[in-house]
Amino acid sequence: MTRRLALTLTPLLFALGCPPESEVHALQPVLVVAPDALDFGEVVVDYSSEERIELINSGKATLRIESIAWVGGGVTQLTKDLDAVDIERDDRAVLYVTCLPTTYDVYADTIKLISNDPDHPDLDIPVTCTGVHAPTPDINLDPTSLDFGAVEVGQTSTAYVTLENTGDGELFVTSTMQTGSGAFSLITDPEGVTVSPDGDQFIIIVTYTPTVATGDYGVLSILSTDPDETTVDLLMFGNCETGDCEYEYPVAIIEGPEETEPLETFTLDGSSSYDPRGEELSFNWNLTDWPVGSGGHISSAVDDFTELYVDLAGEYQVQLVVVNEAGVASAPAKHNVNVLPSDSVHVEMFWDSPNSDLDLHLAQEGTPIFLKPTDCNYCNVNPDWGVEDVGSDNPSLDLDDVTGYGPENININAPAAGNYDMHVHYFRDSGAGAVVATVRVYLEGTVAYEVSEVMEYDDRWFVGSILWPDAVVAENEGEAITNSGQRGCYEE
């Protein structure tokens, strides 16, 4: 006789430690948004403003946001950058929302999120934005194109363009960029120029020096704060009918960092530059802009890369032109580097003589220069101030120049509370006589003070005091406290 074995599943599951089906909890995603409503406030008409909404998955399964859509859909002044997204557990995505008001009105709409969050399958985020009036600039070029006509190879012709601001707010030219032929050169570049709305003008001077007789074509693109015309183009022609120069020009490309700190050396790479016809290229690098007082320089002018050394904080600009085998040059590529100190206190000093030696001193409040425990200088470059054996609150003289011009700088990464006196000593003149010394102070990465002084040999100039943690500079209003005649460090 056949026996059948009956098996009851539920008790067995309990015996194995498994709960009944009604108690099994599936892993679920959880959608959290921050903020849950977005108000841009007042935004100037024709200017855009961007805000962010974080979409956070605080659950234990992948969150799938299947749709991100405007409920109204008719408010074209409000835009977003995502339509759908998957977010893993404990991760987040950022939804960027932009308001670009075109009239003085209140714009309102709602973003609806459709997701697989079982508790919030659809979630609404209200968005509001108010367009308001403010003075705005309006850029105008006259003329908008330059035709140099016929110019002999090797000769130079010059033309002028007037850049005006016909709006009622200040116009700032953020950058310029040239493309096409390198036969066109900017003698006056409007980059970084501010043009006021009261009839102010900037004259752009352009020269044309052809290297070949086949004709040249180029474009100068001017980017500015004009809200409805952020880029305007100046067309340039030479030795050709307008629009009839079809040569494929070499293209210069610079790759490298855009931010760094003082006293750094880094590489700018031009090897991605190319000629559309496949011809070999030669390279021509130039350092075209640097902070006043800087001795920064490039390592090579003719290789496919160069190294830039930066000594002072501020803006540096390097240009590269590449030339093909036919002698046709590219438009110059520009690369801007912003050099900012990371230390909370950064004091720079430089002077205008090549054969004299000036020294920068940073002393604790009210103490004489050259007193070794309390004065940071060339013979006491890293004294122990603040908390003993803690390096971040100590000053450091990172550069001592003895051959002329400077610069010299002293830094404190995290200063202890107190006041710090700045001094300059004219140590050696070597026949230079009177010089002009300049001190520039950066506090938390921003220029807080700059001052210059005429100095004679052995003068001791008390520049002023840095007040910390107020992060301000108190100018010198009296005589410095110095040890007259002392010319080297000494102990108390």
Protein backbone atom coordinates (compact mmCIF):
# COMPACT_ATOMS: atom_id res chain seq x y z
CA MET A 1 0.00 0.00 0.00
CA THR A 2 1.31 3.39 -1.02
CA ARG A 3 1.56 5.94 1.79
CA ARG A 4 1.28 9.68 1.00
CA LEU A 5 3.28 12.18 3.03
CA ALA A 6 1.28 15.31 3.85
CA LEU A 7 3.33 18.49 4.38
CA THR A 8 1.88 21.58 5.98
CA LEU A 9 3.92 24.53 4.63
CA THR A 10 2.99 27.35 7.00
CA PRO A 11 4.08 25.69 10.22
CA LEU A 12 7.32 24.68 8.51
CA LEU A 13 7.99 28.29 7.51
CA PHE A 14 7.45 29.36 11.09
CA ALA A 15 9.81 26.61 12.20
CA LEU A 16 12.46 28.01 9.85
CA GLY A 17 12.00 31.53 11.22
CA CYS A 18 10.02 32.99 8.26
CA PRO A 19 6.98 35.19 9.05
CA PRO A 20 3.61 34.65 7.33
CA GLU A 21 3.06 36.42 4.01
CA SER A 22 1.05 39.21 5.61
CA GLU A 23 4.11 40.25 7.63
CA VAL A 24 6.66 40.33 4.74
CA HIS A 25 7.74 43.96 4.00
CA ALA A 26 9.15 44.68 0.53
CA LEU A 27 12.00 47.18 0.19
CA GLN A 28 10.53 50.45 -1.02
CA PRO A 29 11.89 53.78 -2.26
CA VAL A 30 11.04 56.99 -0.41
CA LEU A 31 11.06 60.35 -2.23
CA VAL A 32 12.04 63.47 -0.31
CA VAL A 33 12.30 66.88 -2.01
CA ALA A 34 14.12 69.94 -0.65
CA PRO A 35 12.75 72.52 -0.83
CA ASP A 36 9.16 71.38 -1.25
CA ALA A 37 8.24 74.79 -2.79
CA LEU A 38 10.35 77.17 -4.85
CA ASP A 39 10.06 80.98 -4.81
CA PHE A 40 12.62 82.88 -6.91
CA GLY A 41 11.50 86.19 -5.45
CA GLU A 42 12.20 89.20 -7.65
CA VAL A 43 14.17 88.64 -10.86
CA VAL A 44 15.12 91.44 -13.24
CA VAL A 45 13.30 91.24 -16.57
CA ASP A 46 15.42 89.63 -19.33
CA TYR A 47 17.88 88.21 -16.79
CA SER A 48 17.79 84.55 -15.78
CA SER A 49 17.94 83.15 -12.27
CA GLU A 50 18.60 79.49 -11.42
CA GLU A 51 17.54 77.56 -8.33
CA ARG A 52 17.99 73.90 -7.38
CA ILE A 53 15.69 71.27 -5.93
CA GLU A 54 17.24 68.15 -4.41
CA LEU A 55 15.44 64.88 -5.12
CA ILE A 56 16.50 62.48 -2.35
CA ASN A 57 15.87 58.74 -2.09
CA SER A 58 15.79 57.96 1.63
CA GLY A 59 14.29 54.50 1.08
CA LYS A 60 15.88 51.09 0.52
CA ALA A 61 15.12 50.47 -3.15
CA THR A 62 15.85 52.33 -6.38
CA LEU A 63 13.61 55.36 -6.82
CA ARG A 64 12.36 55.78 -10.38
CA ILE A 65 10.99 59.21 -11.13
CA GLU A 66 9.15 58.47 -14.33
CA SER A 67 8.01 62.00 -15.12
CA ILE A 68 8.97 65.55 -14.15
CA ALA A 69 6.50 67.88 -15.85
CA TRP A 70 4.94 71.32 -15.55
CA VAL A 71 1.26 71.13 -14.63
CA GLY A 72 0.32 74.33 -16.46
CA GLY A 73 2.93 74.07 -19.19
CA GLY A 74 2.14 77.50 -20.61
CA VAL A 75 4.54 79.60 -18.55
CA THR A 76 7.54 79.62 -20.90
CA GLN A 77 9.50 81.84 -18.49
CA LEU A 78 9.96 78.81 -16.21
CA THR A 79 12.13 75.91 -17.39
CA LYS A 80 13.74 72.78 -15.89
CA ASP A 81 16.55 70.44 -16.87
CA LEU A 82 15.19 66.94 -16.06
CA ASP A 83 12.28 64.88 -17.42
CA ALA A 84 12.96 61.57 -15.63
CA VAL A 85 15.68 60.06 -13.47
CA ASP A 86 16.57 56.92 -11.47
CA ILE A 87 18.01 57.47 -7.99
CA GLU A 88 19.70 54.68 -6.05
CA ARG A 89 19.09 54.23 -2.31
CA ASP A 90 20.70 56.89 -0.11
CA ASP A 91 21.50 58.94 -3.22
CA ARG A 92 20.10 62.12 -4.70
CA ALA A 93 19.68 64.03 -7.95
CA VAL A 94 19.51 67.77 -8.52
CA LEU A 95 16.71 69.37 -10.51
CA TYR A 96 17.71 72.82 -11.79
CA VAL A 97 14.88 75.27 -12.42
CA THR A 98 15.35 78.57 -14.27
CA CYS A 99 13.23 81.71 -14.36
CA LEU A 100 13.71 84.17 -17.22
CA PRO A 101 11.01 86.84 -16.86
CA THR A 102 10.10 88.77 -19.99
CA THR A 103 7.59 91.20 -18.44
CA TYR A 104 6.87 92.77 -15.08
CA ASP A 105 4.56 90.02 -13.92
CA VAL A 106 4.22 87.14 -11.46
CA TYR A 107 4.87 83.72 -13.01
CA ALA A 108 3.56 80.63 -11.28
CA ASP A 109 3.37 76.95 -12.17
CA THR A 110 3.72 73.56 -10.50
CA ILE A 111 6.19 70.75 -11.11
CA LYS A 112 4.55 67.32 -10.79
CA LEU A 113 6.76 64.32 -10.00
CA ILE A 114 5.45 60.84 -10.91
CA SER A 115 7.48 58.11 -9.18
CA ASN A 116 7.39 54.57 -7.81
CA ASP A 117 7.28 55.83 -4.20
CA PRO A 118 4.19 53.92 -2.99
CA ASP A 119 3.29 56.61 -0.46
CA HIS A 120 3.82 59.57 -2.79
CA PRO A 121 3.29 58.34 -6.36
CA ASP A 122 2.68 61.90 -7.48
CA LEU A 123 4.13 64.95 -5.74
CA ASP A 124 3.61 68.64 -6.55
CA ILE A 125 6.22 71.40 -6.13
CA PRO A 126 4.84 74.98 -6.50
CA VAL A 127 7.14 77.43 -8.31
CA THR A 128 6.77 81.23 -8.35
CA CYS A 129 8.85 84.06 -9.83
CA THR A 130 8.29 87.82 -10.07
CA GLY A 131 9.68 89.90 -12.93
CA VAL A 132 10.81 93.38 -11.87
CA HIS A 133 12.43 96.40 -13.48
CA ALA A 134 16.06 97.36 -12.97
CA PRO A 135 18.57 99.31 -15.07
CA THR A 136 19.84 97.05 -17.86
CA PRO A 137 22.62 97.53 -20.42
CA ASP A 138 22.25 97.28 -24.19
CA ILE A 139 25.37 96.63 -26.27
CA ASN A 140 25.83 98.22 -29.69
CA LEU A 141 28.66 97.83 -32.23
CA ASP A 142 29.25 100.34 -35.00
CA PRO A 143 30.06 98.96 -37.52
CA THR A 144 29.25 95.25 -37.10
CA SER A 145 31.71 94.19 -39.81
CA LEU A 146 35.12 95.35 -41.05
CA ASP A 147 36.23 94.94 -44.64
CA PHE A 148 39.89 95.91 -44.94
CA GLY A 149 39.77 95.60 -48.72
CA ALA A 150 43.01 94.91 -50.60
CA VAL A 151 46.14 94.86 -48.43
CA GLU A 152 49.55 93.66 -49.65
CA VAL A 153 51.10 90.66 -47.94
CA GLY A 154 53.24 91.84 -45.01
CA GLN A 155 51.59 95.28 -44.88
CA THR A 156 49.29 96.38 -42.04
CA SER A 157 45.95 98.14 -42.21
CA THR A 158 44.06 99.50 -39.18
CA ALA A 159 40.34 99.92 -38.57
CA TYR A 160 38.16 101.01 -35.66
CA VAL A 161 34.88 99.84 -34.12
CA THR A 162 32.86 101.75 -31.53
CA LEU A 163 31.37 99.71 -28.68
CA GLU A 164 28.52 101.62 -27.02
CA ASN A 165 26.03 101.02 -24.25
CA THR A 166 22.61 102.34 -25.26
CA GLY A 167 20.81 100.92 -22.21
CA ASP A 168 20.32 102.43 -18.76
CA GLY A 169 22.55 100.09 -16.71
CA GLU A 170 26.30 99.44 -16.69
CA LEU A 171 27.60 97.06 -19.36
CA PHE A 172 30.43 94.68 -18.46
CA VAL A 173 32.31 92.79 -21.20
CA THR A 174 32.95 89.41 -19.62
CA SER A 175 35.16 87.95 -22.36
CA THR A 176 36.14 88.06 -26.02
CA MET A 177 37.08 85.25 -28.38
CA GLN A 178 38.55 85.26 -31.89
CA THR A 179 38.03 82.57 -34.52
CA GLY A 180 39.12 82.26 -38.13
CA SER A 181 42.25 83.93 -39.45
CA GLY A 182 45.09 85.07 -37.23
CA ALA A 183 45.87 87.93 -39.60
CA PHE A 184 43.49 90.10 -37.56
CA SER A 185 44.87 91.42 -34.26
CA LEU A 186 43.17 93.30 -31.43
CA ILE A 187 45.18 96.34 -30.40
CA THR A 188 42.53 97.25 -27.80
CA ASP A 189 40.60 94.31 -26.37
CA PRO A 190 37.30 95.17 -24.60
CA GLU A 191 37.50 92.10 -22.34
CA GLY A 192 36.99 93.17 -18.71
CA VAL A 193 35.85 96.68 -19.68
CA THR A 194 32.84 98.38 -18.05
CA VAL A 195 30.88 100.81 -20.25
CA SER A 196 28.53 103.19 -18.45
CA PRO A 197 25.16 104.15 -19.95
CA ASP A 198 25.81 107.91 -20.13
CA GLY A 199 27.39 108.09 -23.58
CA ASP A 200 30.52 106.15 -22.61
CA GLN A 201 32.28 104.33 -25.46
CA PHE A 202 35.12 101.90 -25.97
CA ILE A 203 37.08 102.00 -29.22
CA ILE A 204 38.14 98.58 -30.52
CA ILE A 205 41.25 98.92 -32.70
CA VAL A 206 41.86 96.05 -35.13
CA THR A 207 44.83 95.57 -37.44
CA TYR A 208 45.02 93.33 -40.50
CA THR A 209 48.41 91.97 -41.63
CA PRO A 210 47.97 89.29 -44.32
CA THR A 211 50.55 86.53 -44.67
CA VAL A 212 48.97 85.06 -47.82
CA ALA A 213 47.26 86.72 -50.79
CA THR A 214 44.23 84.40 -50.88
CA GLY A 215 42.15 86.45 -48.45
CA ASP A 216 41.25 86.26 -44.77
CA TYR A 217 38.09 85.94 -42.73
CA GLY A 218 37.66 86.17 -38.94
CA VAL A 219 35.11 86.71 -36.18
CA LEU A 220 35.48 88.53 -32.87
CA SER A 221 32.80 87.32 -30.46
CA ILE A 222 32.07 89.72 -27.58
CA LEU A 223 30.31 88.32 -24.51
CA SER A 224 28.72 90.82 -22.12
CA THR A 225 26.06 91.38 -19.48
CA ASP A 226 23.51 92.57 -22.06
CA PRO A 227 20.57 90.37 -20.99
CA ASP A 228 18.95 89.84 -24.39
CA GLU A 229 22.10 89.81 -26.54
CA THR A 230 24.77 88.10 -24.48
CA THR A 231 27.04 87.60 -27.52
CA VAL A 232 27.61 89.93 -30.48
CA ASP A 233 29.92 89.14 -33.39
CA LEU A 234 32.22 91.47 -35.29
CA LEU A 235 32.93 90.07 -38.78
CA MET A 236 36.33 90.84 -40.31
CA PHE A 237 37.39 90.48 -43.96
CA GLY A 238 40.56 91.20 -45.88
CA ASN A 239 41.65 90.66 -49.48
CA CYS A 240 38.37 88.99 -50.40
CA GLU A 241 34.78 89.70 -51.27
CA THR A 242 32.58 89.66 -48.16
CA GLY A 243 31.61 86.07 -47.46
CA ASP A 244 33.95 84.74 -50.17
CA CYS A 245 36.88 83.61 -47.99
CA GLU A 246 36.47 79.90 -47.38
CA TYR A 247 39.95 78.93 -46.17
CA GLU A 248 39.92 76.45 -43.28
CA TYR A 249 42.14 78.10 -40.70
CA PRO A 250 44.23 76.37 -38.04
CA VAL A 251 42.64 76.28 -34.59
CA ALA A 252 44.58 76.93 -31.37
CA ILE A 253 43.39 75.13 -28.24
CA ILE A 254 44.73 75.60 -24.69
CA GLU A 255 44.00 73.08 -21.95
CA GLY A 256 44.96 73.69 -18.34
CA PRO A 257 43.73 74.79 -14.89
CA GLU A 258 41.70 77.96 -14.54
CA GLU A 259 42.36 78.44 -10.81
CA THR A 260 45.46 78.00 -8.68
CA GLU A 261 47.40 79.54 -5.77
CA PRO A 262 50.41 81.87 -5.73
CA LEU A 263 53.90 80.35 -6.17
CA GLU A 264 52.58 77.50 -8.32
CA THR A 265 53.98 76.28 -11.65
CA PHE A 266 51.61 74.33 -13.90
CA THR A 267 51.35 73.15 -17.47
CA LEU A 268 49.24 74.65 -20.25
CA ASP A 269 48.79 72.14 -23.06
CA GLY A 270 48.37 73.21 -26.70
CA SER A 271 48.78 69.78 -28.26
CA SER A 272 45.08 69.50 -29.14
CA SER A 273 45.45 72.40 -31.59
CA TYR A 274 44.89 71.29 -35.16
CA ASP A 275 44.91 72.24 -38.83
CA PRO A 276 41.81 71.12 -40.79
CA ARG A 277 44.06 70.28 -43.75
CA GLY A 278 46.32 68.09 -41.64
CA GLU A 279 49.39 70.32 -41.95
CA GLU A 280 52.08 70.45 -39.27
CA LEU A 281 51.81 73.32 -36.80
CA SER A 282 54.28 75.63 -35.12
CA PHE A 283 53.43 77.21 -31.76
CA ASN A 284 53.66 80.75 -30.43
CA TRP A 285 52.85 81.29 -26.73
CA ASN A 286 52.65 84.67 -24.98
CA LEU A 287 51.87 85.81 -21.45
CA THR A 288 49.58 88.75 -22.26
CA ASP A 289 48.22 89.85 -18.86
CA TRP A 290 49.38 89.59 -15.25
CA PRO A 291 48.88 91.39 -11.92
CA VAL A 292 50.84 94.60 -11.35
CA GLY A 293 54.15 93.72 -9.71
CA SER A 294 54.19 90.09 -10.84
CA GLY A 295 57.28 88.37 -12.17
CA GLY A 296 55.26 85.46 -13.52
CA HIS A 297 56.47 83.92 -16.75
CA ILE A 298 56.10 81.04 -19.20
CA SER A 299 58.79 78.42 -19.73
CA SER A 300 58.57 78.11 -23.54
CA ALA A 301 57.18 80.17 -26.38
CA VAL A 302 57.54 77.58 -29.16
CA ASP A 303 56.69 74.10 -27.85
CA ASP A 304 53.26 72.46 -27.96
CA PHE A 305 53.01 73.12 -24.21
CA THR A 306 54.34 75.70 -21.80
CA GLU A 307 54.64 76.01 -18.02
CA LEU A 308 53.26 79.10 -16.31
CA TYR A 309 54.77 80.30 -13.04
CA VAL A 310 52.55 82.59 -10.94
CA ASP A 311 53.91 84.52 -7.98
CA LEU A 312 51.23 87.08 -7.11
CA ALA A 313 47.50 86.64 -6.64
CA GLY A 314 45.32 88.00 -9.42
CA GLU A 315 44.39 87.34 -13.05
CA TYR A 316 46.85 85.97 -15.61
CA GLN A 317 46.18 85.47 -19.32
CA VAL A 318 48.14 83.33 -21.77
CA GLN A 319 47.56 83.35 -25.54
CA LEU A 320 48.49 80.75 -28.13
CA VAL A 321 48.69 81.16 -31.90
CA VAL A 322 49.44 78.18 -34.14
CA VAL A 323 50.75 78.52 -37.71
CA ASN A 324 50.51 75.86 -40.43
CA GLU A 325 53.14 74.98 -43.04
CA ALA A 326 51.66 77.50 -45.50
CA GLY A 327 52.29 80.31 -43.01
CA VAL A 328 48.59 80.78 -42.16
CA ALA A 329 48.03 81.64 -38.51
CA SER A 330 45.09 80.76 -36.27
CA ALA A 331 43.14 83.30 -34.33
CA PRO A 332 44.69 83.57 -30.85
CA ALA A 333 43.29 81.28 -28.17
CA LYS A 334 43.12 82.86 -24.71
CA HIS A 335 43.37 81.08 -21.37
CA ASN A 336 42.65 82.98 -18.16
CA VAL A 337 43.96 81.79 -14.79
CA ASN A 338 42.60 83.17 -11.53
CA VAL A 339 45.25 82.98 -8.81
CA LEU A 340 43.83 83.22 -5.30
CA PRO A 341 45.48 82.44 -1.95
CA SER A 342 43.84 79.75 0.17
CA ASP A 343 45.30 81.15 3.42
CA SER A 344 43.06 83.39 5.50
CA VAL A 345 45.78 86.08 5.60
CA HIS A 346 47.98 86.70 2.57
CA VAL A 347 50.21 89.81 2.44
CA GLU A 348 52.13 90.67 -0.74
CA MET A 349 54.84 93.32 -1.22
CA PHE A 350 56.66 94.42 -4.39
CA TRP A 351 58.60 97.49 -5.60
CA ASP A 352 59.68 99.23 -8.80
CA SER A 353 63.45 98.79 -8.80
CA PRO A 354 65.53 95.92 -10.29
CA ASN A 355 68.60 96.39 -8.11
CA SER A 356 67.39 97.06 -4.58
CA ASP A 357 66.28 94.82 -1.73
CA LEU A 358 63.17 95.52 0.36
CA ASP A 359 61.87 93.21 3.07
CA LEU A 360 58.34 92.46 4.25
CA HIS A 361 57.70 92.02 7.99
CA LEU A 362 54.60 90.82 9.83
CA ALA A 363 54.84 91.38 13.60
CA GLN A 364 52.58 90.76 16.54
CA GLU A 365 50.82 93.94 17.64
CA GLY A 366 53.03 96.66 19.09
CA THR A 367 56.32 94.76 18.83
CA PRO A 368 59.42 96.03 16.98
CA ILE A 369 60.60 94.55 13.73
CA PHE A 370 63.53 92.10 13.85
CA LEU A 371 62.55 90.88 17.34
CA LYS A 372 62.78 87.19 16.56
CA PRO A 373 59.92 85.67 18.57
CA THR A 374 57.32 88.19 17.40
CA ASP A 375 58.38 89.25 13.88
CA CYS A 376 58.06 87.09 10.76
CA ASN A 377 60.69 88.13 8.19
CA TYR A 378 63.60 86.84 6.09
CA CYS A 379 65.58 85.70 9.14
CA ASN A 380 62.60 84.29 11.05
CA VAL A 381 60.49 82.81 8.26
CA ASN A 382 58.12 80.61 10.29
CA PRO A 383 57.83 81.63 13.98
CA ASP A 384 55.59 79.67 16.35
CA TRP A 385 52.64 81.92 17.21
CA GLY A 386 49.20 81.18 18.60
CA VAL A 387 48.85 77.69 20.08
CA GLU A 388 52.25 76.12 20.65
CA ASP A 389 53.27 73.49 18.07
CA VAL A 390 50.12 74.10 15.98
CA GLY A 391 51.27 75.06 12.51
CA SER A 392 48.08 76.48 11.02
CA ASP A 393 48.16 79.67 13.14
CA ASN A 394 51.82 80.45 12.39
CA PRO A 395 52.95 83.03 9.80
CA SER A 396 55.15 81.91 6.94
CA LEU A 397 57.39 84.00 4.67
CA ASP A 398 57.09 81.95 1.47
CA LEU A 399 59.08 84.20 -0.87
CA ASP A 400 62.06 86.46 -0.13
CA ASP A 401 63.34 88.36 -3.16
CA VAL A 402 66.80 89.96 -2.89
CA THR A 403 67.45 90.96 -6.51
CA GLY A 404 64.75 93.56 -7.11
CA TYR A 405 61.07 94.05 -7.91
CA GLY A 406 59.87 91.31 -5.55
CA PRO A 407 57.42 90.01 -4.76
CA GLU A 408 57.55 88.84 -1.18
CA ASN A 409 54.62 87.34 0.70
CA ILE A 410 53.69 86.25 4.21
CA ASN A 411 50.72 83.97 4.92
CA ILE A 412 48.76 82.65 7.88
CA ASN A 413 46.38 79.79 7.20
CA ALA A 414 44.19 80.08 10.33
CA PRO A 415 45.24 83.12 12.39
CA ALA A 416 44.77 83.27 16.12
CA ALA A 417 42.71 86.19 17.39
CA GLY A 418 44.77 89.37 17.61
CA ASN A 419 46.26 92.21 15.60
CA TYR A 420 49.16 91.83 13.18
CA ASP A 421 51.38 94.77 12.18
CA MET A 422 52.71 95.02 8.62
CA HIS A 423 56.09 96.70 7.99
CA VAL A 424 58.40 97.21 5.03
CA HIS A 425 62.14 97.79 5.49
CA TYR A 426 64.38 99.18 2.71
CA PHE A 427 67.31 96.84 3.38
CA ARG A 428 69.76 97.53 0.50
CA ASP A 429 69.64 100.14 -2.30
CA SER A 430 72.64 99.15 -4.52
CA GLY A 431 72.49 102.66 -5.97
CA ALA A 432 68.75 102.52 -6.77
CA GLY A 433 67.80 105.50 -4.60
CA ALA A 434 64.11 106.14 -3.96
CA VAL A 435 61.68 103.33 -4.85
CA VAL A 436 57.91 102.91 -4.74
CA ALA A 437 56.84 99.95 -2.60
CA THR A 438 53.33 98.46 -2.76
CA VAL A 439 51.60 96.22 -0.23
CA ARG A 440 48.48 94.26 -1.16
CA VAL A 441 46.48 92.36 1.48
CA TYR A 442 44.14 89.43 0.81
CA LEU A 443 41.82 88.38 3.62
CA GLU A 444 39.81 85.18 3.08
CA GLY A 445 40.75 85.23 -0.60
CA THR A 446 39.58 88.81 -1.29
CA VAL A 447 41.63 91.98 -1.74
CA ALA A 448 41.07 93.94 1.48
CA TYR A 449 43.70 96.67 1.16
CA GLU A 450 46.35 98.03 -1.19
CA VAL A 451 48.69 100.97 -0.61
CA SER A 452 51.96 102.34 -2.03
CA GLU A 453 54.74 104.43 -0.47
CA VAL A 454 57.95 106.14 -1.69
CA MET A 455 60.89 104.81 0.33
CA GLU A 456 64.55 105.78 0.70
CA TYR A 457 67.38 103.51 1.85
CA ASP A 458 66.87 102.11 5.40
CA ASP A 459 63.33 103.55 5.70
CA ARG A 460 60.96 101.56 7.91
CA TRP A 461 57.37 101.90 6.74
CA PHE A 462 54.59 100.88 9.10
CA VAL A 463 51.85 99.89 6.64
CA GLY A 464 49.02 99.19 9.06
CA SER A 465 47.49 96.38 11.10
CA ILE A 466 45.36 93.35 10.26
CA LEU A 467 42.61 92.96 12.87
CA TRP A 468 41.57 89.34 13.38
CA PRO A 469 38.98 87.80 13.46
CA ASP A 470 37.38 91.06 12.23
CA ALA A 471 39.21 90.49 8.92
CA VAL A 472 39.82 94.21 8.33
CA VAL A 473 42.91 96.38 7.87
CA ALA A 474 43.53 99.41 10.10
CA GLU A 475 45.64 101.96 8.23
CA ASN A 476 48.73 103.46 9.82
CA GLU A 477 47.88 106.72 11.58
CA GLY A 478 51.14 107.26 13.42
CA GLU A 479 54.78 106.28 13.72
CA ALA A 480 55.77 102.63 13.71
CA ILE A 481 57.19 101.04 16.83
CA THR A 482 60.61 99.99 15.63
CA ASN A 483 64.05 99.29 16.99
CA SER A 484 65.98 102.09 15.29
CA GLY A 485 69.19 100.92 13.68
CA GLN A 486 68.43 97.19 14.04
CA ARG A 487 69.14 95.36 10.77
CA GLY A 488 68.95 91.70 11.75
CA CYS A 489 66.95 89.39 13.97
CA TYR A 490 67.68 89.37 17.70
CA GLU A 491 66.29 87.66 20.81
CA GLU A 492 64.76 89.61 23.68
